Each structure stands twice: as C-alpha cells, then as structure tokens.
Amino acid sequence: MFYGHVRGFKGLERSAVVLAVNSRPGVGQAAEALYVGMSRARSLLVVVGAREEVEAIGGPGVLAALDEGTPWNPPPG
C-alpha cells in the first residue's frame, strides 16, 4: 500500500489507485492533478468525489470517460 499526494506521483504507476477529488475548480492545478491521478492506475481506478465536482474540474469528457468504465460495487461489510 502506498499513500501520497498526486503531485508526487508523476511518472509512477500502481495496480490500483483510489483518487479522492476534493479540490474546487480553479484552485491551483486541479485539472492537472485530476489527470495525473486518473492516468496512474493500471488495473483499478476508484474515484471518490461528487460528480459535479469532477465535471467542473475535468470537464464533461472526463465524466463521460468515467461513465464508460465498469462500476465497482464491493460487497457490504
């Protein structure tokens, strides 16, 4: 397991990435951070955050790309 900020993740890949989107649009490099975080997962990408926030930061294309993925519904408990 590895935990870090997306700014330190450039050039690295991981089998699974859990990306917490908790930045407001227009704050810092939110769009670049979203792209870097989303492009590092090789097998599983879990994006945690409000759809509206993800769309505001990455645009409708990012939201559409996420919608094309396979939903992950882990069993309860």
PDB file of N, CA and C in Angstrom:
ATOM      1  N   MET A   1       0.845  -1.160   0.000  1.00  0.00           N
ATOM      2  CA  MET A   1       0.000   0.000   0.000  1.00  0.00           C
ATOM      3  C   MET A   1       0.896   1.231   0.000  1.00  0.00           C
ATOM      4  N   PHE A   2       0.471   2.226  -0.724  1.00  0.00           N
ATOM      5  CA  PHE A   2       1.207   3.488  -0.822  1.00  0.00           C
ATOM      6  C   PHE A   2       0.218   4.618  -0.711  1.00  0.00           C
ATOM      7  N   TYR A   3       0.576   5.636   0.025  1.00  0.00           N
ATOM      8  CA  TYR A   3      -0.270   6.814   0.144  1.00  0.00           C
ATOM      9  C   TYR A   3       0.578   8.027  -0.200  1.00  0.00           C
ATOM     10  N   GLY A   4       0.046   8.893  -1.000  1.00  0.00           N
ATOM     11  CA  GLY A   4       0.780  10.102  -1.332  1.00  0.00           C
ATOM     12  C   GLY A   4      -0.111  11.103  -2.035  1.00  0.00           C
ATOM     13  N   HIS A   5       0.406  12.280  -2.194  1.00  0.00           N
ATOM     14  CA  HIS A   5      -0.314  13.321  -2.920  1.00  0.00           C
ATOM     15  C   HIS A   5      -0.044  13.140  -4.399  1.00  0.00           C
ATOM     16  N   VAL A   6      -1.005  13.461  -5.207  1.00  0.00           N
ATOM     17  CA  VAL A   6      -0.889  13.252  -6.649  1.00  0.00           C
ATOM     18  C   VAL A   6       0.287  14.042  -7.245  1.00  0.00           C
ATOM     19  N   ARG A   7       0.683  15.126  -6.610  1.00  0.00           N
ATOM     20  CA  ARG A   7       1.814  15.905  -7.126  1.00  0.00           C
ATOM     21  C   ARG A   7       3.114  15.104  -7.116  1.00  0.00           C
ATOM     22  N   GLY A   8       3.229  14.145  -6.211  1.00  0.00           N
ATOM     23  CA  GLY A   8       4.432  13.332  -6.156  1.00  0.00           C
ATOM     24  C   GLY A   8       4.322  12.048  -6.949  1.00  0.00           C
ATOM     25  N   PHE A   9       3.299  11.933  -7.763  1.00  0.00           N
ATOM     26  CA  PHE A   9       3.009  10.696  -8.467  1.00  0.00           C
ATOM     27  C   PHE A   9       3.378  10.715  -9.941  1.00  0.00           C
ATOM     28  N   LYS A  10       3.873  11.819 -10.444  1.00  0.00           N
ATOM     29  CA  LYS A  10       4.206  11.894 -11.872  1.00  0.00           C
ATOM     30  C   LYS A  10       5.249  10.849 -12.215  1.00  0.00           C
ATOM     31  N   GLY A  11       4.997  10.102 -13.290  1.00  0.00           N
ATOM     32  CA  GLY A  11       5.925   9.082 -13.749  1.00  0.00           C
ATOM     33  C   GLY A  11       5.777   7.749 -13.046  1.00  0.00           C
ATOM     34  N   LEU A  12       4.899   7.639 -12.061  1.00  0.00           N
ATOM     35  CA  LEU A  12       4.697   6.388 -11.329  1.00  0.00           C
ATOM     36  C   LEU A  12       3.365   5.766 -11.721  1.00  0.00           C
ATOM     37  N   GLU A  13       3.288   4.457 -11.637  1.00  0.00           N
ATOM     38  CA  GLU A  13       2.037   3.751 -11.865  1.00  0.00           C
ATOM     39  C   GLU A  13       1.807   2.789 -10.712  1.00  0.00           C
ATOM     40  N   ARG A  14       0.564   2.457 -10.480  1.00  0.00           N
ATOM     41  CA  ARG A  14       0.185   1.485  -9.463  1.00  0.00           C
ATOM     42  C   ARG A  14      -0.923   0.604 -10.041  1.00  0.00           C
ATOM     43  N   SER A  15      -1.029  -0.608  -9.529  1.00  0.00           N
ATOM     44  CA  SER A  15      -2.092  -1.510  -9.989  1.00  0.00           C
ATOM     45  C   SER A  15      -3.464  -0.919  -9.704  1.00  0.00           C
ATOM     46  N   ALA A  16      -3.619  -0.350  -8.528  1.00  0.00           N
ATOM     47  CA  ALA A  16      -4.899   0.249  -8.147  1.00  0.00           C
ATOM     48  C   ALA A  16      -4.649   1.636  -7.573  1.00  0.00           C
ATOM     49  N   VAL A  17      -5.528   2.557  -7.930  1.00  0.00           N
ATOM     50  CA  VAL A  17      -5.440   3.930  -7.431  1.00  0.00           C
ATOM     51  C   VAL A  17      -6.811   4.337  -6.917  1.00  0.00           C
ATOM     52  N   VAL A  18      -6.837   4.868  -5.709  1.00  0.00           N
ATOM     53  CA  VAL A  18      -8.053   5.479  -5.165  1.00  0.00           C
ATOM     54  C   VAL A  18      -7.797   6.977  -5.171  1.00  0.00           C
ATOM     55  N   LEU A  19      -8.551   7.691  -5.962  1.00  0.00           N
ATOM     56  CA  LEU A  19      -8.350   9.119  -6.157  1.00  0.00           C
ATOM     57  C   LEU A  19      -9.469   9.893  -5.473  1.00  0.00           C
ATOM     58  N   ALA A  20      -9.118  10.644  -4.461  1.00  0.00           N
ATOM     59  CA  ALA A  20     -10.094  11.475  -3.759  1.00  0.00           C
ATOM     60  C   ALA A  20     -10.095  12.855  -4.396  1.00  0.00           C
ATOM     61  N   VAL A  21     -11.212  13.228  -4.992  1.00  0.00           N
ATOM     62  CA  VAL A  21     -11.349  14.533  -5.633  1.00  0.00           C
ATOM     63  C   VAL A  21     -11.984  15.461  -4.608  1.00  0.00           C
ATOM     64  N   ASN A  22     -11.152  16.316  -4.048  1.00  0.00           N
ATOM     65  CA  ASN A  22     -11.650  17.213  -3.001  1.00  0.00           C
ATOM     66  C   ASN A  22     -11.100  18.617  -3.166  1.00  0.00           C
ATOM     67  N   SER A  23     -10.973  19.016  -4.413  1.00  0.00           N
ATOM     68  CA  SER A  23     -10.470  20.346  -4.721  1.00  0.00           C
ATOM     69  C   SER A  23     -11.549  21.115  -5.455  1.00  0.00           C
ATOM     70  N   ARG A  24     -11.548  22.387  -5.289  1.00  0.00           N
ATOM     71  CA  ARG A  24     -12.513  23.207  -6.011  1.00  0.00           C
ATOM     72  C   ARG A  24     -11.948  23.582  -7.381  1.00  0.00           C
ATOM     73  N   PRO A  25     -12.812  23.665  -8.391  1.00  0.00           N
ATOM     74  CA  PRO A  25     -12.353  24.078  -9.717  1.00  0.00           C
ATOM     75  C   PRO A  25     -11.667  25.435  -9.652  1.00  0.00           C
ATOM     76  N   GLY A  26     -10.598  25.560 -10.392  1.00  0.00           N
ATOM     77  CA  GLY A  26      -9.890  26.831 -10.456  1.00  0.00           C
ATOM     78  C   GLY A  26      -8.897  27.029  -9.327  1.00  0.00           C
ATOM     79  N   VAL A  27      -8.834  26.114  -8.377  1.00  0.00           N
ATOM     80  CA  VAL A  27      -7.893  26.220  -7.269  1.00  0.00           C
ATOM     81  C   VAL A  27      -6.629  25.464  -7.642  1.00  0.00           C
ATOM     82  N   GLY A  28      -5.518  26.180  -7.735  1.00  0.00           N
ATOM     83  CA  GLY A  28      -4.252  25.535  -8.080  1.00  0.00           C
ATOM     84  C   GLY A  28      -4.317  24.867  -9.436  1.00  0.00           C
ATOM     85  N   GLN A  29      -3.718  23.723  -9.522  1.00  0.00           N
ATOM     86  CA  GLN A  29      -3.722  22.943 -10.760  1.00  0.00           C
ATOM     87  C   GLN A  29      -4.659  21.750 -10.625  1.00  0.00           C
ATOM     88  N   ALA A  30      -5.911  21.990 -10.292  1.00  0.00           N
ATOM     89  CA  ALA A  30      -6.867  20.916 -10.042  1.00  0.00           C
ATOM     90  C   ALA A  30      -7.036  20.013 -11.259  1.00  0.00           C
ATOM     91  N   ALA A  31      -7.114  20.577 -12.457  1.00  0.00           N
ATOM     92  CA  ALA A  31      -7.306  19.765 -13.661  1.00  0.00           C
ATOM     93  C   ALA A  31      -6.093  18.880 -13.925  1.00  0.00           C
ATOM     94  N   GLU A  32      -4.897  19.415 -13.743  1.00  0.00           N
ATOM     95  CA  GLU A  32      -3.683  18.616 -13.942  1.00  0.00           C
ATOM     96  C   GLU A  32      -3.597  17.505 -12.899  1.00  0.00           C
ATOM     97  N   ALA A  33      -3.935  17.819 -11.662  1.00  0.00           N
ATOM     98  CA  ALA A  33      -3.899  16.817 -10.600  1.00  0.00           C
ATOM     99  C   ALA A  33      -4.903  15.700 -10.880  1.00  0.00           C
ATOM    100  N   LEU A  34      -6.082  16.041 -11.387  1.00  0.00           N
ATOM    101  CA  LEU A  34      -7.088  15.041 -11.731  1.00  0.00           C
ATOM    102  C   LEU A  34      -6.564  14.132 -12.839  1.00  0.00           C
ATOM    103  N   TYR A  35      -5.976  14.706 -13.867  1.00  0.00           N
ATOM    104  CA  TYR A  35      -5.424  13.918 -14.973  1.00  0.00           C
ATOM    105  C   TYR A  35      -4.324  12.979 -14.483  1.00  0.00           C
ATOM    106  N   VAL A  36      -3.392  13.492 -13.705  1.00  0.00           N
ATOM    107  CA  VAL A  36      -2.285  12.672 -13.212  1.00  0.00           C
ATOM    108  C   VAL A  36      -2.831  11.520 -12.378  1.00  0.00           C
ATOM    109  N   GLY A  37      -3.744  11.821 -11.474  1.00  0.00           N
ATOM    110  CA  GLY A  37      -4.311  10.773 -10.631  1.00  0.00           C
ATOM    111  C   GLY A  37      -5.037   9.705 -11.427  1.00  0.00           C
ATOM    112  N   MET A  38      -5.807  10.117 -12.434  1.00  0.00           N
ATOM    113  CA  MET A  38      -6.573   9.165 -13.225  1.00  0.00           C
ATOM    114  C   MET A  38      -5.702   8.337 -14.153  1.00  0.00           C
ATOM    115  N   SER A  39      -4.566   8.849 -14.559  1.00  0.00           N
ATOM    116  CA  SER A  39      -3.742   8.144 -15.542  1.00  0.00           C
ATOM    117  C   SER A  39      -2.714   7.211 -14.914  1.00  0.00           C
ATOM    118  N   ARG A  40      -2.681   7.061 -13.600  1.00  0.00           N
ATOM    119  CA  ARG A  40      -1.673   6.227 -12.930  1.00  0.00           C
ATOM    120  C   ARG A  40      -2.136   4.819 -12.629  1.00  0.00           C
ATOM    121  N   ALA A  41      -3.433   4.536 -12.721  1.00  0.00           N
ATOM    122  CA  ALA A  41      -3.956   3.208 -12.394  1.00  0.00           C
ATOM    123  C   ALA A  41      -3.806   2.269 -13.581  1.00  0.00           C
ATOM    124  N   ARG A  42      -3.242   1.073 -13.345  1.00  0.00           N
ATOM    125  CA  ARG A  42      -3.108   0.081 -14.411  1.00  0.00           C
ATOM    126  C   ARG A  42      -4.312  -0.842 -14.481  1.00  0.00           C
ATOM    127  N   SER A  43      -4.887  -1.210 -13.333  1.00  0.00           N
ATOM    128  CA  SER A  43      -5.985  -2.178 -13.331  1.00  0.00           C
ATOM    129  C   SER A  43      -7.280  -1.643 -12.743  1.00  0.00           C
ATOM    130  N   LEU A  44      -7.180  -0.871 -11.664  1.00  0.00           N
ATOM    131  CA  LEU A  44      -8.383  -0.399 -10.981  1.00  0.00           C
ATOM    132  C   LEU A  44      -8.224   1.059 -10.596  1.00  0.00           C
ATOM    133  N   LEU A  45      -9.200   1.858 -10.986  1.00  0.00           N
ATOM    134  CA  LEU A  45      -9.250   3.267 -10.602  1.00  0.00           C
ATOM    135  C   LEU A  45     -10.561   3.497  -9.871  1.00  0.00           C
ATOM    136  N   VAL A  46     -10.467   3.979  -8.639  1.00  0.00           N
ATOM    137  CA  VAL A  46     -11.644   4.327  -7.861  1.00  0.00           C
ATOM    138  C   VAL A  46     -11.597   5.833  -7.646  1.00  0.00           C
ATOM    139  N   VAL A  47     -12.598   6.530  -8.155  1.00  0.00           N
ATOM    140  CA  VAL A  47     -12.671   7.980  -7.998  1.00  0.00           C
ATOM    141  C   VAL A  47     -13.738   8.272  -6.952  1.00  0.00           C
ATOM    142  N   VAL A  48     -13.330   8.972  -5.903  1.00  0.00           N
ATOM    143  CA  VAL A  48     -14.239   9.315  -4.814  1.00  0.00           C
ATOM    144  C   VAL A  48     -14.446  10.825  -4.835  1.00  0.00           C
ATOM    145  N   GLY A  49     -15.677  11.242  -4.994  1.00  0.00           N
ATOM    146  CA  GLY A  49     -15.980  12.669  -5.029  1.00  0.00           C
ATOM    147  C   GLY A  49     -17.301  12.911  -5.723  1.00  0.00           C
ATOM    148  N   ALA A  50     -17.788  14.097  -5.580  1.00  0.00           N
ATOM    149  CA  ALA A  50     -19.058  14.459  -6.201  1.00  0.00           C
ATOM    150  C   ALA A  50     -18.902  14.545  -7.717  1.00  0.00           C
ATOM    151  N   ARG A  51     -19.859  13.977  -8.442  1.00  0.00           N
ATOM    152  CA  ARG A  51     -19.812  14.006  -9.918  1.00  0.00           C
ATOM    153  C   ARG A  51     -19.705  15.441 -10.436  1.00  0.00           C
ATOM    154  N   GLU A  52     -20.437  16.342  -9.787  1.00  0.00           N
ATOM    155  CA  GLU A  52     -20.422  17.737 -10.226  1.00  0.00           C
ATOM    156  C   GLU A  52     -19.026  18.346 -10.082  1.00  0.00           C
ATOM    157  N   GLU A  53     -18.345  17.967  -9.016  1.00  0.00           N
ATOM    158  CA  GLU A  53     -17.005  18.487  -8.780  1.00  0.00           C
ATOM    159  C   GLU A  53     -16.010  17.929  -9.801  1.00  0.00           C
ATOM    160  N   VAL A  54     -16.113  16.639 -10.078  1.00  0.00           N
ATOM    161  CA  VAL A  54     -15.237  16.006 -11.075  1.00  0.00           C
ATOM    162  C   VAL A  54     -15.461  16.657 -12.437  1.00  0.00           C
ATOM    163  N   GLU A  55     -16.720  16.880 -12.805  1.00  0.00           N
ATOM    164  CA  GLU A  55     -17.024  17.501 -14.096  1.00  0.00           C
ATOM    165  C   GLU A  55     -16.543  18.952 -14.149  1.00  0.00           C
ATOM    166  N   ALA A  56     -16.705  19.677 -13.052  1.00  0.00           N
ATOM    167  CA  ALA A  56     -16.279  21.072 -13.025  1.00  0.00           C
ATOM    168  C   ALA A  56     -14.760  21.185 -13.181  1.00  0.00           C
ATOM    169  N   ILE A  57     -14.027  20.224 -12.642  1.00  0.00           N
ATOM    170  CA  ILE A  57     -12.572  20.257 -12.732  1.00  0.00           C
ATOM    171  C   ILE A  57     -12.080  19.705 -14.068  1.00  0.00           C
ATOM    172  N   GLY A  58     -12.616  18.546 -14.474  1.00  0.00           N
ATOM    173  CA  GLY A  58     -12.090  17.860 -15.653  1.00  0.00           C
ATOM    174  C   GLY A  58     -12.882  18.051 -16.924  1.00  0.00           C
ATOM    175  N   GLY A  59     -14.113  18.542 -16.795  1.00  0.00           N
ATOM    176  CA  GLY A  59     -14.949  18.740 -17.968  1.00  0.00           C
ATOM    177  C   GLY A  59     -15.821  17.530 -18.247  1.00  0.00           C
ATOM    178  N   PRO A  60     -16.758  17.687 -19.167  1.00  0.00           N
ATOM    179  CA  PRO A  60     -17.694  16.599 -19.461  1.00  0.00           C
ATOM    180  C   PRO A  60     -17.020  15.375 -20.068  1.00  0.00           C
ATOM    181  N   GLY A  61     -15.903  15.550 -20.738  1.00  0.00           N
ATOM    182  CA  GLY A  61     -15.190  14.408 -21.327  1.00  0.00           C
ATOM    183  C   GLY A  61     -14.652  13.463 -20.268  1.00  0.00           C
ATOM    184  N   VAL A  62     -14.160  14.019 -19.178  1.00  0.00           N
ATOM    185  CA  VAL A  62     -13.644  13.189 -18.082  1.00  0.00           C
ATOM    186  C   VAL A  62     -14.792  12.414 -17.453  1.00  0.00           C
ATOM    187  N   LEU A  63     -15.897  13.076 -17.223  1.00  0.00           N
ATOM    188  CA  LEU A  63     -17.058  12.408 -16.646  1.00  0.00           C
ATOM    189  C   LEU A  63     -17.561  11.303 -17.576  1.00  0.00           C
ATOM    190  N   ALA A  64     -17.588  11.562 -18.867  1.00  0.00           N
ATOM    191  CA  ALA A  64     -18.019  10.556 -19.839  1.00  0.00           C
ATOM    192  C   ALA A  64     -17.077   9.356 -19.838  1.00  0.00           C
ATOM    193  N   ALA A  65     -15.773   9.603 -19.741  1.00  0.00           N
ATOM    194  CA  ALA A  65     -14.803   8.510 -19.707  1.00  0.00           C
ATOM    195  C   ALA A  65     -14.996   7.654 -18.457  1.00  0.00           C
ATOM    196  N   LEU A  66     -15.258   8.291 -17.334  1.00  0.00           N
ATOM    197  CA  LEU A  66     -15.505   7.533 -16.104  1.00  0.00           C
ATOM    198  C   LEU A  66     -16.794   6.718 -16.227  1.00  0.00           C
ATOM    199  N   ASP A  67     -17.800   7.284 -16.867  1.00  0.00           N
ATOM    200  CA  ASP A  67     -19.068   6.571 -17.042  1.00  0.00           C
ATOM    201  C   ASP A  67     -18.921   5.349 -17.938  1.00  0.00           C
ATOM    202  N   GLU A  68     -17.923   5.337 -18.825  1.00  0.00           N
ATOM    203  CA  GLU A  68     -17.688   4.199 -19.711  1.00  0.00           C
ATOM    204  C   GLU A  68     -17.042   3.030 -18.980  1.00  0.00           C
ATOM    205  N   GLY A  69     -16.462   3.294 -17.828  1.00  0.00           N
ATOM    206  CA  GLY A  69     -15.811   2.239 -17.066  1.00  0.00           C
ATOM    207  C   GLY A  69     -16.825   1.288 -16.439  1.00  0.00           C
ATOM    208  N   THR A  70     -16.311   0.210 -15.896  1.00  0.00           N
ATOM    209  CA  THR A  70     -17.143  -0.773 -15.218  1.00  0.00           C
ATOM    210  C   THR A  70     -17.352  -0.338 -13.776  1.00  0.00           C
ATOM    211  N   PRO A  71     -18.592  -0.175 -13.355  1.00  0.00           N
ATOM    212  CA  PRO A  71     -18.828   0.213 -11.957  1.00  0.00           C
ATOM    213  C   PRO A  71     -18.309  -0.858 -11.000  1.00  0.00           C
ATOM    214  N   TRP A  72     -17.749  -0.414  -9.908  1.00  0.00           N
ATOM    215  CA  TRP A  72     -17.241  -1.327  -8.878  1.00  0.00           C
ATOM    216  C   TRP A  72     -18.193  -1.263  -7.705  1.00  0.00           C
ATOM    217  N   ASN A  73     -18.803  -2.352  -7.397  1.00  0.00           N
ATOM    218  CA  ASN A  73     -19.751  -2.429  -6.294  1.00  0.00           C
ATOM    219  C   ASN A  73     -19.276  -3.507  -5.326  1.00  0.00           C
ATOM    220  N   PRO A  74     -18.407  -3.137  -4.394  1.00  0.00           N
ATOM    221  CA  PRO A  74     -17.902  -4.137  -3.459  1.00  0.00           C
ATOM    222  C   PRO A  74     -19.013  -4.639  -2.545  1.00  0.00           C
ATOM    223  N   PRO A  75     -18.894  -5.874  -2.100  1.00  0.00           N
ATOM    224  CA  PRO A  75     -19.927  -6.401  -1.207  1.00  0.00           C
ATOM    225  C   PRO A  75     -19.917  -5.673   0.125  1.00  0.00           C
ATOM    226  N   PRO A  76     -21.073  -5.509   0.742  1.00  0.00           N
ATOM    227  CA  PRO A  76     -21.116  -4.811   2.035  1.00  0.00           C
ATOM    228  C   PRO A  76     -20.377  -5.605   3.115  1.00  0.00           C
ATOM    229  N   GLY A  77     -19.838  -4.836   4.060  1.00  0.00           N
ATOM    230  CA  GLY A  77     -19.199  -5.460   5.216  1.00  0.00           C
ATOM    231  C   GLY A  77     -17.791  -5.674   5.000  1.00  0.00           C
TER     232      GLY A  77
END
